[in-house]
C-alpha atoms as a PDB file:
ATOM      1  CA  MET A   1       7.337  79.045-184.962  1.00  0.00           C
ATOM      2  CA  THR A   2       3.623  79.738-184.925  1.00  0.00           C
ATOM      3  CA  SER A   3       1.321  79.131-181.998  1.00  0.00           C
ATOM      4  CA  THR A   4      -2.335  78.179-181.993  1.00  0.00           C
ATOM      5  CA  SER A   5      -4.881  79.581-179.590  1.00  0.00           C
ATOM      6  CA  PRO A   6      -6.461  76.883-177.396  1.00  0.00           C
ATOM      7  CA  THR A   7      -9.932  78.160-178.218  1.00  0.00           C
ATOM      8  CA  GLU A   8      -9.342  77.510-181.930  1.00  0.00           C
ATOM      9  CA  THR A   9      -8.517  73.857-181.488  1.00  0.00           C
ATOM     10  CA  HIS A  10     -10.805  71.717-183.621  1.00  0.00           C
ATOM     11  CA  VAL A  11     -11.949  68.596-181.825  1.00  0.00           C
ATOM     12  CA  ALA A  12     -12.980  65.993-184.344  1.00  0.00           C
ATOM     13  CA  PRO A  13     -12.462  62.277-184.773  1.00  0.00           C
ATOM     14  CA  GLN A  14      -9.587  61.394-187.049  1.00  0.00           C
ATOM     15  CA  ALA A  15      -9.979  58.889-189.824  1.00  0.00           C
ATOM     16  CA  ASP A  16      -8.026  55.678-189.568  1.00  0.00           C
ATOM     17  CA  HIS A  17      -5.999  55.950-192.777  1.00  0.00           C
ATOM     18  CA  GLY A  18      -3.996  52.863-191.895  1.00  0.00           C
ATOM     19  CA  ASP A  19      -6.987  50.534-192.236  1.00  0.00           C
ATOM     20  CA  PRO A  20      -8.805  50.870-195.589  1.00  0.00           C
ATOM     21  CA  ALA A  21     -11.644  48.621-194.394  1.00  0.00           C
ATOM     22  CA  ARG A  22     -12.350  50.851-191.407  1.00  0.00           C
ATOM     23  CA  SER A  23     -12.118  53.948-193.572  1.00  0.00           C
ATOM     24  CA  TRP A  24     -14.654  52.648-196.097  1.00  0.00           C
ATOM     25  CA  LEU A  25     -17.030  51.312-193.458  1.00  0.00           C
ATOM     26  CA  GLY A  26     -16.831  54.622-191.622  1.00  0.00           C
ATOM     27  CA  ARG A  27     -17.713  56.553-194.771  1.00  0.00           C
ATOM     28  CA  ILE A  28     -20.651  54.253-195.478  1.00  0.00           C
ATOM     29  CA  ALA A  29     -21.910  54.668-191.906  1.00  0.00           C
ATOM     30  CA  GLU A  30     -21.559  58.446-192.078  1.00  0.00           C
ATOM     31  CA  GLY A  31     -23.481  58.565-195.356  1.00  0.00           C
ATOM     32  CA  ARG A  32     -26.212  56.177-194.222  1.00  0.00           C
ATOM     33  CA  ALA A  33     -28.938  58.828-194.481  1.00  0.00           C
ATOM     34  CA  TRP A  34     -28.247  59.352-198.175  1.00  0.00           C
ATOM     35  CA  LEU A  35     -28.197  55.576-198.692  1.00  0.00           C
ATOM     36  CA  PHE A  36     -31.562  55.303-196.906  1.00  0.00           C
ATOM     37  CA  LEU A  37     -32.899  58.087-199.109  1.00  0.00           C
ATOM     38  CA  ALA A  38     -31.670  56.486-202.324  1.00  0.00           C
ATOM     39  CA  GLY A  39     -33.092  53.114-201.275  1.00  0.00           C
ATOM     40  CA  LEU A  40     -36.482  54.616-200.465  1.00  0.00           C
ATOM     41  CA  ILE A  41     -36.673  56.481-203.760  1.00  0.00           C
ATOM     42  CA  ILE A  42     -35.808  53.322-205.712  1.00  0.00           C
ATOM     43  CA  CYS A  43     -38.335  51.307-203.691  1.00  0.00           C
ATOM     44  CA  PHE A  44     -41.187  53.756-204.283  1.00  0.00           C
ATOM     45  CA  GLU A  45     -40.258  54.165-207.939  1.00  0.00           C
ATOM     46  CA  VAL A  46     -40.407  50.402-208.536  1.00  0.00           C
ATOM     47  CA  TRP A  47     -43.605  50.093-206.469  1.00  0.00           C
ATOM     48  CA  SER A  48     -45.272  52.932-208.365  1.00  0.00           C
ATOM     49  CA  ARG A  49     -44.365  51.586-211.791  1.00  0.00           C
ATOM     50  CA  PHE A  50     -45.534  48.044-211.018  1.00  0.00           C
ATOM     51  CA  SER A  51     -48.757  49.115-209.268  1.00  0.00           C
ATOM     52  CA  PHE A  52     -49.824  52.152-211.292  1.00  0.00           C
ATOM     53  CA  GLY A  53     -47.574  52.237-214.346  1.00  0.00           C
ATOM     54  CA  ALA A  54     -46.496  55.757-213.346  1.00  0.00           C
ATOM     55  CA  THR A  55     -43.239  57.280-212.189  1.00  0.00           C
ATOM     56  CA  PHE A  56     -42.701  58.445-208.618  1.00  0.00           C
ATOM     57  CA  VAL A  57     -39.459  60.390-208.587  1.00  0.00           C
ATOM     58  CA  LEU A  58     -39.648  61.812-212.140  1.00  0.00           C
ATOM     59  CA  ASN A  59     -42.997  63.472-211.447  1.00  0.00           C
ATOM     60  CA  PRO A  60     -42.308  67.205-210.785  1.00  0.00           C
ATOM     61  CA  PHE A  61     -45.416  67.500-208.611  1.00  0.00           C
ATOM     62  CA  ASN A  62     -44.157  64.692-206.339  1.00  0.00           C
ATOM     63  CA  VAL A  63     -40.714  66.254-206.055  1.00  0.00           C
ATOM     64  CA  GLN A  64     -42.181  69.648-205.134  1.00  0.00           C
ATOM     65  CA  SER A  65     -44.582  68.089-202.630  1.00  0.00           C
ATOM     66  CA  ILE A  66     -41.791  66.149-200.913  1.00  0.00           C
ATOM     67  CA  ALA A  67     -39.634  69.277-200.736  1.00  0.00           C
ATOM     68  CA  ILE A  68     -42.488  71.290-199.187  1.00  0.00           C
ATOM     69  CA  PHE A  69     -43.237  68.451-196.749  1.00  0.00           C
ATOM     70  CA  ALA A  70     -39.600  68.583-195.610  1.00  0.00           C
ATOM     71  CA  VAL A  71     -39.351  72.354-195.027  1.00  0.00           C
ATOM     72  CA  ALA A  72     -40.943  72.699-191.565  1.00  0.00           C
ATOM     73  CA  PRO A  73     -39.314  69.647-189.910  1.00  0.00           C
ATOM     74  CA  LEU A  74     -35.995  70.606-191.519  1.00  0.00           C
ATOM     75  CA  LEU A  75     -36.049  74.095-189.996  1.00  0.00           C
ATOM     76  CA  LEU A  76     -36.693  72.605-186.552  1.00  0.00           C
ATOM     77  CA  ALA A  77     -34.107  69.885-187.149  1.00  0.00           C
ATOM     78  CA  THR A  78     -31.451  72.425-188.142  1.00  0.00           C
ATOM     79  CA  GLY A  79     -31.539  74.021-184.703  1.00  0.00           C
ATOM     80  CA  GLN A  80     -31.890  70.599-183.106  1.00  0.00           C
ATOM     81  CA  THR A  81     -28.696  69.511-184.898  1.00  0.00           C
ATOM     82  CA  PHE A  82     -26.639  72.155-183.110  1.00  0.00           C
ATOM     83  CA  VAL A  83     -28.148  71.152-179.763  1.00  0.00           C
ATOM     84  CA  ILE A  84     -27.671  67.393-180.203  1.00  0.00           C
ATOM     85  CA  ILE A  85     -24.069  67.821-181.396  1.00  0.00           C
ATOM     86  CA  SER A  86     -23.380  69.692-178.152  1.00  0.00           C
ATOM     87  CA  GLY A  87     -24.735  66.728-176.177  1.00  0.00           C
ATOM     88  CA  GLY A  88     -28.134  68.242-175.346  1.00  0.00           C
ATOM     89  CA  ILE A  89     -31.675  68.071-176.659  1.00  0.00           C
ATOM     90  CA  ASP A  90     -34.482  70.605-177.102  1.00  0.00           C
ATOM     91  CA  LEU A  91     -37.993  69.252-176.532  1.00  0.00           C
ATOM     92  CA  SER A  92     -39.646  72.668-176.600  1.00  0.00           C
ATOM     93  CA  LEU A  93     -39.181  73.366-180.318  1.00  0.00           C
ATOM     94  CA  GLY A  94     -42.596  72.070-181.419  1.00  0.00           C
ATOM     95  CA  PHE A  95     -44.609  74.564-179.391  1.00  0.00           C
ATOM     96  CA  ILE A  96     -42.083  77.343-179.816  1.00  0.00           C
ATOM     97  CA  MET A  97     -42.867  76.933-183.505  1.00  0.00           C
ATOM     98  CA  GLY A  98     -46.606  77.076-182.729  1.00  0.00           C
ATOM     99  CA  LEU A  99     -46.106  80.210-180.609  1.00  0.00           C
ATOM    100  CA  ALA A 100     -44.148  81.818-183.439  1.00  0.00           C
ATOM    101  CA  ALA A 101     -46.874  80.955-185.959  1.00  0.00           C
ATOM    102  CA  VAL A 102     -49.523  82.667-183.816  1.00  0.00           C
ATOM    103  CA  VAL A 103     -47.303  85.716-183.235  1.00  0.00           C
ATOM    104  CA  ALA A 104     -46.528  85.956-186.963  1.00  0.00           C
ATOM    105  CA  ALA A 105     -50.243  85.934-187.782  1.00  0.00           C
ATOM    106  CA  HIS A 106     -51.168  88.571-185.190  1.00  0.00           C
ATOM    107  CA  ALA A 107     -48.189  90.819-185.960  1.00  0.00           C
ATOM    108  CA  THR A 108     -48.754  90.660-189.723  1.00  0.00           C
ATOM    109  CA  ASN A 109     -52.424  91.568-189.341  1.00  0.00           C
ATOM    110  CA  MET A 110     -51.729  94.452-186.966  1.00  0.00           C
ATOM    111  CA  ALA A 111     -48.860  95.824-189.025  1.00  0.00           C
ATOM    112  CA  GLY A 112     -50.927  95.533-192.208  1.00  0.00           C
ATOM    113  CA  ALA A 113     -53.329  98.147-190.885  1.00  0.00           C
ATOM    114  CA  ALA A 114     -50.574 100.759-190.637  1.00  0.00           C
ATOM    115  CA  ILE A 115     -47.844  99.976-193.192  1.00  0.00           C
ATOM    116  CA  PRO A 116     -47.692  98.461-196.719  1.00  0.00           C
ATOM    117  CA  LEU A 117     -48.388  94.743-196.954  1.00  0.00           C
ATOM    118  CA  PRO A 118     -44.833  93.682-197.919  1.00  0.00           C
ATOM    119  CA  LEU A 119     -43.394  95.497-194.883  1.00  0.00           C
ATOM    120  CA  ALA A 120     -46.159  94.053-192.702  1.00  0.00           C
ATOM    121  CA  MET A 121     -45.156  90.571-193.858  1.00  0.00           C
ATOM    122  CA  LEU A 122     -41.517  91.211-192.920  1.00  0.00           C
ATOM    123  CA  ALA A 123     -42.612  92.674-189.575  1.00  0.00           C
ATOM    124  CA  GLY A 124     -44.633  89.538-188.832  1.00  0.00           C
ATOM    125  CA  ILE A 125     -41.715  87.227-189.646  1.00  0.00           C
ATOM    126  CA  LEU A 126     -39.297  89.325-187.579  1.00  0.00           C
ATOM    127  CA  ALA A 127     -41.696  89.397-184.619  1.00  0.00           C
ATOM    128  CA  ALA A 128     -42.100  85.621-184.778  1.00  0.00           C
ATOM    129  CA  VAL A 129     -38.354  84.991-184.757  1.00  0.00           C
ATOM    130  CA  LEU A 130     -37.688  87.488-181.942  1.00  0.00           C
ATOM    131  CA  VAL A 131     -40.509  86.184-179.744  1.00  0.00           C
ATOM    132  CA  ALA A 132     -39.274  82.627-180.315  1.00  0.00           C
ATOM    133  CA  GLY A 133     -35.902  83.724-178.980  1.00  0.00           C
ATOM    134  CA  VAL A 134     -37.414  84.458-175.549  1.00  0.00           C
ATOM    135  CA  PRO A 135     -38.058  80.813-174.552  1.00  0.00           C
ATOM    136  CA  GLY A 136     -34.661  80.055-176.099  1.00  0.00           C
ATOM    137  CA  VAL A 137     -33.020  82.485-173.675  1.00  0.00           C
ATOM    138  CA  ILE A 138     -34.896  80.925-170.760  1.00  0.00           C
ATOM    139  CA  ASN A 139     -33.884  77.418-171.859  1.00  0.00           C
ATOM    140  CA  GLY A 140     -30.270  78.524-172.129  1.00  0.00           C
ATOM    141  CA  LEU A 141     -30.275  80.145-168.680  1.00  0.00           C
ATOM    142  CA  LEU A 142     -31.924  77.142-167.032  1.00  0.00           C
ATOM    143  CA  ILE A 143     -29.408  74.729-168.545  1.00  0.00           C
ATOM    144  CA  SER A 144     -26.213  76.808-168.414  1.00  0.00           C
ATOM    145  CA  ARG A 145     -26.684  78.755-165.163  1.00  0.00           C
ATOM    146  CA  LEU A 146     -28.990  76.600-163.046  1.00  0.00           C
ATOM    147  CA  ARG A 147     -27.598  73.310-164.438  1.00  0.00           C
ATOM    148  CA  ILE A 148     -31.025  71.838-165.081  1.00  0.00           C
ATOM    149  CA  PRO A 149     -30.730  68.834-167.418  1.00  0.00           C
ATOM    150  CA  PRO A 150     -31.699  69.794-171.000  1.00  0.00           C
ATOM    151  CA  PHE A 151     -34.386  67.104-171.113  1.00  0.00           C
ATOM    152  CA  ILE A 152     -36.163  68.500-168.047  1.00  0.00           C
ATOM    153  CA  GLY A 153     -35.621  72.197-168.757  1.00  0.00           C
ATOM    154  CA  THR A 154     -36.866  72.094-172.337  1.00  0.00           C
ATOM    155  CA  LEU A 155     -39.727  69.771-171.409  1.00  0.00           C
ATOM    156  CA  GLY A 156     -40.917  72.406-168.930  1.00  0.00           C
ATOM    157  CA  MET A 157     -40.628  75.089-171.611  1.00  0.00           C
ATOM    158  CA  PHE A 158     -42.652  72.807-173.896  1.00  0.00           C
ATOM    159  CA  GLY A 159     -45.621  73.281-171.547  1.00  0.00           C
ATOM    160  CA  VAL A 160     -45.055  77.009-171.064  1.00  0.00           C
ATOM    161  CA  ALA A 161     -44.788  77.716-174.792  1.00  0.00           C
ATOM    162  CA  ARG A 162     -47.812  75.521-175.469  1.00  0.00           C
ATOM    163  CA  GLY A 163     -50.031  77.341-172.983  1.00  0.00           C
ATOM    164  CA  THR A 164     -48.832  80.777-174.104  1.00  0.00           C
ATOM    165  CA  ALA A 165     -49.483  79.937-177.761  1.00  0.00           C
ATOM    166  CA  PHE A 166     -53.041  78.751-177.078  1.00  0.00           C
ATOM    167  CA  LEU A 167     -53.750  81.821-174.935  1.00  0.00           C
ATOM    168  CA  LEU A 168     -52.547  84.197-177.659  1.00  0.00           C
ATOM    169  CA  ALA A 169     -54.555  82.292-180.268  1.00  0.00           C
ATOM    170  CA  GLY A 170     -57.685  82.209-178.119  1.00  0.00           C
ATOM    171  CA  GLY A 171     -57.839  78.443-178.517  1.00  0.00           C
ATOM    172  CA  THR A 172     -58.309  78.643-182.283  1.00  0.00           C
ATOM    173  CA  THR A 173     -56.362  79.420-185.447  1.00  0.00           C
ATOM    174  CA  VAL A 174     -55.523  83.021-186.347  1.00  0.00           C
ATOM    175  CA  PRO A 175     -56.162  83.795-190.051  1.00  0.00           C
ATOM    176  CA  VAL A 176     -53.716  86.088-191.840  1.00  0.00           C
ATOM    177  CA  GLN A 177     -55.108  88.846-194.063  1.00  0.00           C
ATOM    178  CA  ASN A 178     -52.052  89.613-196.182  1.00  0.00           C
ATOM    179  CA  SER A 179     -51.738  88.656-199.860  1.00  0.00           C
ATOM    180  CA  TRP A 180     -47.951  88.984-199.816  1.00  0.00           C
ATOM    181  CA  PHE A 181     -47.731  86.583-196.900  1.00  0.00           C
ATOM    182  CA  ALA A 182     -49.889  84.081-198.782  1.00  0.00           C
ATOM    183  CA  LEU A 183     -47.711  84.507-201.874  1.00  0.00           C
ATOM    184  CA  LEU A 184     -44.591  83.782-199.821  1.00  0.00           C
ATOM    185  CA  GLY A 185     -46.104  80.562-198.528  1.00  0.00           C
ATOM    186  CA  ASN A 186     -47.616  79.297-201.764  1.00  0.00           C
ATOM    187  CA  GLY A 187     -45.896  81.116-204.629  1.00  0.00           C
ATOM    188  CA  ARG A 188     -43.167  79.779-206.904  1.00  0.00           C
ATOM    189  CA  PHE A 189     -40.081  81.137-208.632  1.00  0.00           C
ATOM    190  CA  TYR A 190     -39.639  79.359-211.980  1.00  0.00           C
ATOM    191  CA  GLY A 191     -41.548  76.398-210.576  1.00  0.00           C
ATOM    192  CA  VAL A 192     -39.607  76.214-207.300  1.00  0.00           C
ATOM    193  CA  PRO A 193     -41.672  77.077-204.182  1.00  0.00           C
ATOM    194  CA  TYR A 194     -40.457  80.129-202.296  1.00  0.00           C
ATOM    195  CA  LEU A 195     -40.525  78.079-199.077  1.00  0.00           C
ATOM    196  CA  VAL A 196     -38.027  75.606-200.545  1.00  0.00           C
ATOM    197  CA  ILE A 197     -35.738  78.419-201.720  1.00  0.00           C
ATOM    198  CA  ILE A 198     -35.780  80.047-198.272  1.00  0.00           C
ATOM    199  CA  ALA A 199     -35.101  76.702-196.590  1.00  0.00           C
ATOM    200  CA  ALA A 200     -32.220  75.956-198.975  1.00  0.00           C
ATOM    201  CA  VAL A 201     -30.547  79.320-198.327  1.00  0.00           C
ATOM    202  CA  PHE A 202     -31.077  78.918-194.599  1.00  0.00           C
ATOM    203  CA  VAL A 203     -29.535  75.437-194.617  1.00  0.00           C
ATOM    204  CA  VAL A 204     -26.431  76.671-196.465  1.00  0.00           C
ATOM    205  CA  VAL A 205     -25.973  79.492-193.930  1.00  0.00           C
ATOM    206  CA  MET A 206     -26.375  77.089-190.986  1.00  0.00           C
ATOM    207  CA  HIS A 207     -23.935  74.633-192.597  1.00  0.00           C
ATOM    208  CA  TYR A 208     -21.378  77.429-192.862  1.00  0.00           C
ATOM    209  CA  ILE A 209     -21.877  78.425-189.223  1.00  0.00           C
ATOM    210  CA  LEU A 210     -21.486  74.841-188.009  1.00  0.00           C
ATOM    211  CA  SER A 211     -18.551  73.828-190.187  1.00  0.00           C
ATOM    212  CA  GLN A 212     -16.580  77.023-190.753  1.00  0.00           C
ATOM    213  CA  THR A 213     -16.950  79.261-187.702  1.00  0.00           C
ATOM    214  CA  ARG A 214     -15.502  79.222-184.213  1.00  0.00           C
ATOM    215  CA  PHE A 215     -19.018  78.821-182.811  1.00  0.00           C
ATOM    216  CA  GLY A 216     -19.445  75.594-184.752  1.00  0.00           C
ATOM    217  CA  GLN A 217     -16.041  74.224-183.781  1.00  0.00           C
ATOM    218  CA  HIS A 218     -16.729  74.982-180.125  1.00  0.00           C
ATOM    219  CA  ASN A 219     -20.029  73.157-180.473  1.00  0.00           C
ATOM    220  CA  TYR A 220     -18.266  69.988-181.621  1.00  0.00           C
ATOM    221  CA  ALA A 221     -15.676  70.351-178.865  1.00  0.00           C
ATOM    222  CA  ILE A 222     -18.300  70.659-176.124  1.00  0.00           C
ATOM    223  CA  GLY A 223     -20.192  67.643-177.418  1.00  0.00           C
ATOM    224  CA  ALA A 224     -17.052  65.521-177.721  1.00  0.00           C
ATOM    225  CA  ASN A 225     -15.675  66.298-174.248  1.00  0.00           C
ATOM    226  CA  VAL A 226     -17.069  69.150-172.189  1.00  0.00           C
ATOM    227  CA  GLN A 227     -14.259  69.006-169.611  1.00  0.00           C
ATOM    228  CA  ALA A 228     -11.575  69.226-172.281  1.00  0.00           C
ATOM    229  CA  ALA A 229     -13.473  72.095-173.905  1.00  0.00           C
ATOM    230  CA  ARG A 230     -13.575  73.928-170.576  1.00  0.00           C
ATOM    231  CA  ARG A 231      -9.827  73.428-170.067  1.00  0.00           C
ATOM    232  CA  ALA A 232      -9.269  74.767-173.594  1.00  0.00           C
ATOM    233  CA  GLY A 233     -10.823  78.041-172.486  1.00  0.00           C
ATOM    234  CA  ILE A 234     -14.214  77.756-174.206  1.00  0.00           C
ATOM    235  CA  ASP A 235     -16.997  79.731-172.515  1.00  0.00           C
ATOM    236  CA  ILE A 236     -19.344  76.778-171.936  1.00  0.00           C
ATOM    237  CA  ARG A 237     -22.130  78.765-170.282  1.00  0.00           C
ATOM    238  CA  GLY A 238     -22.192  81.503-172.880  1.00  0.00           C
ATOM    239  CA  HIS A 239     -22.077  79.009-175.724  1.00  0.00           C
ATOM    240  CA  ILE A 240     -24.990  76.951-174.377  1.00  0.00           C
ATOM    241  CA  LEU A 241     -27.065  80.099-173.927  1.00  0.00           C
ATOM    242  CA  ARG A 242     -26.432  81.173-177.519  1.00  0.00           C
ATOM    243  CA  LEU A 243     -27.037  77.615-178.697  1.00  0.00           C
ATOM    244  CA  TYR A 244     -30.581  77.376-177.317  1.00  0.00           C
ATOM    245  CA  VAL A 245     -31.434  80.854-178.560  1.00  0.00           C
ATOM    246  CA  LEU A 246     -30.313  79.802-182.053  1.00  0.00           C
ATOM    247  CA  SER A 247     -32.362  76.615-181.832  1.00  0.00           C
ATOM    248  CA  ALA A 248     -35.488  78.502-180.757  1.00  0.00           C
ATOM    249  CA  MET A 249     -35.086  81.088-183.514  1.00  0.00           C
ATOM    250  CA  CYS A 250     -34.881  78.300-186.092  1.00  0.00           C
ATOM    251  CA  ALA A 251     -38.246  77.119-184.766  1.00  0.00           C
ATOM    252  CA  GLY A 252     -39.460  80.719-184.923  1.00  0.00           C
ATOM    253  CA  LEU A 253     -38.668  80.917-188.631  1.00  0.00           C
ATOM    254  CA  GLY A 254     -40.411  77.573-189.097  1.00  0.00           C
ATOM    255  CA  GLY A 255     -43.515  78.953-187.390  1.00  0.00           C
ATOM    256  CA  ALA A 256     -43.540  82.078-189.542  1.00  0.00           C
ATOM    257  CA  LEU A 257     -43.275  80.026-192.748  1.00  0.00           C
ATOM    258  CA  TYR A 258     -46.017  77.696-191.490  1.00  0.00           C
ATOM    259  CA  ALA A 259     -48.308  80.711-191.058  1.00  0.00           C
ATOM    260  CA  ALA A 260     -47.384  81.847-194.569  1.00  0.00           C
ATOM    261  CA  ARG A 261     -48.090  78.447-196.100  1.00  0.00           C
ATOM    262  CA  PHE A 262     -51.517  78.035-194.477  1.00  0.00           C
ATOM    263  CA  THR A 263     -52.276  81.789-194.164  1.00  0.00           C
ATOM    264  CA  ALA A 264     -53.059  81.149-190.508  1.00  0.00           C
ATOM    265  CA  GLY A 265     -51.221  80.737-187.240  1.00  0.00           C
ATOM    266  CA  ALA A 266     -51.963  77.673-185.136  1.00  0.00           C
ATOM    267  CA  ALA A 267     -50.661  76.951-181.633  1.00  0.00           C
ATOM    268  CA  GLN A 268     -50.322  73.252-182.428  1.00  0.00           C
ATOM    269  CA  ALA A 269     -48.423  73.897-185.672  1.00  0.00           C
ATOM    270  CA  GLY A 270     -45.211  72.192-184.586  1.00  0.00           C
ATOM    271  CA  GLU A 271     -46.613  69.570-182.207  1.00  0.00           C
ATOM    272  CA  PRO A 272     -46.331  66.628-184.648  1.00  0.00           C
ATOM    273  CA  LEU A 273     -42.958  67.880-185.937  1.00  0.00           C
ATOM    274  CA  LEU A 274     -40.915  67.706-182.739  1.00  0.00           C
ATOM    275  CA  LEU A 275     -40.218  63.994-183.004  1.00  0.00           C
ATOM    276  CA  ASP A 276     -39.623  64.376-186.733  1.00  0.00           C
ATOM    277  CA  SER A 277     -36.939  66.971-185.998  1.00  0.00           C
ATOM    278  CA  VAL A 278     -35.119  64.644-183.604  1.00  0.00           C
ATOM    279  CA  ALA A 279     -35.569  61.739-186.025  1.00  0.00           C
ATOM    280  CA  ALA A 280     -34.116  63.749-188.918  1.00  0.00           C
ATOM    281  CA  VAL A 281     -30.992  64.571-186.884  1.00  0.00           C
ATOM    282  CA  VAL A 282     -30.507  60.959-185.766  1.00  0.00           C
ATOM    283  CA  ILE A 283     -31.180  59.503-189.218  1.00  0.00           C
ATOM    284  CA  GLY A 284     -28.798  62.123-190.615  1.00  0.00           C
ATOM    285  CA  GLY A 285     -25.905  60.629-188.699  1.00  0.00           C
ATOM    286  CA  ALA A 286     -25.654  62.747-185.550  1.00  0.00           C
ATOM    287  CA  SER A 287     -24.818  60.847-182.389  1.00  0.00           C
ATOM    288  CA  LEU A 288     -27.055  61.226-179.348  1.00  0.00           C
ATOM    289  CA  PHE A 289     -23.849  61.044-177.299  1.00  0.00           C
ATOM    290  CA  GLY A 290     -22.821  64.368-178.877  1.00  0.00           C
ATOM    291  CA  GLY A 291     -19.738  65.429-180.785  1.00  0.00           C
ATOM    292  CA  SER A 292     -20.793  64.422-184.301  1.00  0.00           C
ATOM    293  CA  GLY A 293     -23.316  65.378-186.948  1.00  0.00           C
ATOM    294  CA  THR A 294     -23.704  67.652-189.967  1.00  0.00           C
ATOM    295  CA  ILE A 295     -26.357  69.949-191.369  1.00  0.00           C
ATOM    296  CA  PHE A 296     -26.361  68.203-194.736  1.00  0.00           C
ATOM    297  CA  GLY A 297     -26.837  64.883-192.957  1.00  0.00           C
ATOM    298  CA  THR A 298     -29.888  66.383-191.266  1.00  0.00           C
ATOM    299  CA  VAL A 299     -31.172  67.503-194.684  1.00  0.00           C
ATOM    300  CA  ALA A 300     -30.963  63.880-195.837  1.00  0.00           C
ATOM    301  CA  GLY A 301     -32.743  62.746-192.665  1.00  0.00           C
ATOM    302  CA  ALA A 302     -35.577  65.236-193.210  1.00  0.00           C
ATOM    303  CA  LEU A 303     -35.924  64.104-196.824  1.00  0.00           C
ATOM    304  CA  VAL A 304     -36.036  60.453-195.726  1.00  0.00           C
ATOM    305  CA  ILE A 305     -38.984  61.231-193.438  1.00  0.00           C
ATOM    306  CA  ALA A 306     -40.732  63.323-196.118  1.00  0.00           C
ATOM    307  CA  VAL A 307     -40.299  60.586-198.751  1.00  0.00           C
ATOM    308  CA  ILE A 308     -41.709  57.977-196.363  1.00  0.00           C
ATOM    309  CA  GLN A 309     -44.694  60.150-195.452  1.00  0.00           C
ATOM    310  CA  TYR A 310     -45.534  61.233-198.991  1.00  0.00           C
ATOM    311  CA  GLY A 311     -44.511  57.988-200.686  1.00  0.00           C
ATOM    312  CA  LEU A 312     -46.774  55.763-198.626  1.00  0.00           C
ATOM    313  CA  VAL A 313     -49.734  58.002-199.393  1.00  0.00           C
ATOM    314  CA  PHE A 314     -48.795  58.066-203.077  1.00  0.00           C
ATOM    315  CA  VAL A 315     -48.769  54.249-203.357  1.00  0.00           C
ATOM    316  CA  ASN A 316     -52.092  54.102-201.497  1.00  0.00           C
ATOM    317  CA  VAL A 317     -50.838  52.583-198.240  1.00  0.00           C
ATOM    318  CA  GLU A 318     -52.525  53.515-194.952  1.00  0.00           C
ATOM    319  CA  PRO A 319     -50.669  56.566-193.595  1.00  0.00           C
ATOM    320  CA  PHE A 320     -50.348  54.947-190.150  1.00  0.00           C
ATOM    321  CA  TRP A 321     -47.594  52.760-191.596  1.00  0.00           C
ATOM    322  CA  GLN A 322     -45.392  55.852-191.858  1.00  0.00           C
ATOM    323  CA  PHE A 323     -44.939  55.887-188.069  1.00  0.00           C
ATOM    324  CA  ILE A 324     -43.704  52.287-188.156  1.00  0.00           C
ATOM    325  CA  ALA A 325     -41.410  52.984-191.111  1.00  0.00           C
ATOM    326  CA  VAL A 326     -39.867  56.107-189.565  1.00  0.00           C
ATOM    327  CA  GLY A 327     -39.463  54.314-186.234  1.00  0.00           C
ATOM    328  CA  LEU A 328     -37.636  51.418-187.871  1.00  0.00           C
ATOM    329  CA  VAL A 329     -35.310  53.786-189.722  1.00  0.00           C
ATOM    330  CA  ILE A 330     -34.509  55.575-186.439  1.00  0.00           C
ATOM    331  CA  ILE A 331     -33.712  52.275-184.694  1.00  0.00           C
ATOM    332  CA  VAL A 332     -31.494  51.130-187.555  1.00  0.00           C
ATOM    333  CA  SER A 333     -29.693  54.505-187.557  1.00  0.00           C
ATOM    334  CA  VAL A 334     -28.989  54.321-183.829  1.00  0.00           C
ATOM    335  CA  LEU A 335     -27.769  50.732-184.155  1.00  0.00           C
ATOM    336  CA  ILE A 336     -25.408  51.782-186.951  1.00  0.00           C
ATOM    337  CA  ASP A 337     -24.147  54.665-184.809  1.00  0.00           C
ATOM    338  CA  GLN A 338     -23.520  52.292-181.893  1.00  0.00           C
ATOM    339  CA  ALA A 339     -21.698  49.826-184.135  1.00  0.00           C
ATOM    340  CA  GLN A 340     -19.639  52.630-185.649  1.00  0.00           C
ATOM    341  CA  ARG A 341     -18.591  53.854-182.213  1.00  0.00           C
ATOM    342  CA  ARG A 342     -17.582  50.344-181.118  1.00  0.00           C
ATOM    343  CA  PHE A 343     -15.694  49.746-184.332  1.00  0.00           C
ATOM    344  CA  SER A 344     -13.788  53.036-184.045  1.00  0.00           C
ATOM    345  CA  GLY A 345     -13.041  52.446-180.364  1.00  0.00           C
ATOM    346  CA  ALA A 346     -14.913  55.536-179.233  1.00  0.00           C
ATOM    347  CA  ARG A 347     -16.005  55.815-175.623  1.00  0.00           C
ATOM    348  CA  GLN A 348     -19.591  54.813-174.897  1.00  0.00           C
ATOM    349  CA  ASP A 349     -21.644  55.573-171.856  1.00  0.00           C
ATOM    350  CA  GLU A 350     -22.929  52.431-170.226  1.00  0.00           C
END
């Protein structure tokens, strides 16, 4: 007879195979982000053909633009996915990304004076990711050791990272003098932007970590029931610390790629992307109660936001409507999540 270690127990909701209706409705609810995405693409395609006699989705330039639009919020949302699944939230990611962008610019310029440009580019990216890990460590310690609520702890780090980024940047943008860095941000491999390739590889790696490793399974367990996870022998404190470091480093990579795309580091680089990162996770099917969510769902959520933002501009609608559209999609996603939880009999916090 074989035995299973308590720490390897996978906590996940089981499908109700006895009720086909529930099973189908559950699958539809879980795939709502992809349905939103398909609906938006069809809507903009029809709108574009009737208004301009041109295609929307079959235009390679549009597809590339949407993919590039989605890269930065997706990188932030990837780390945010891990945090939200665990039952937390990270409000500091926007300015951690800005801090990383400024550090990447400074480090690349300084390294470029002493070593070859390709190595200077790598040094700048590495410095950005490592520096971003510092506020991640502080977030993790505040939340896991001092038991400060994630909302408050990361909100405080939002201000600290913001001020530090502006101080390092001197209140302005920091231009990058490195042709390899510019090529990374704006070059293409057989028509596919390097930024999109990097983001795709990164997403696959993060999907593997979340779905196939013990770290990912522990993350689901903590989000589903932290007391049960503690009784199962999971190191809650250590996991939360590592979780916020991972989240911050995702923002660090986003900041480095932002600096590459615009050949400049800006402290406010991630400020408008924080809410987009949370929205992408929620639209992608993750529950704000914790315990559920996927990386590929977050990819769909980020693409939904990018299609809305680019599509409205493409069909010549005032860009301010994008805030209303994204807000409505978030509300509908949360309502579907609530209905799904009631229908499945899951516990809800009043």
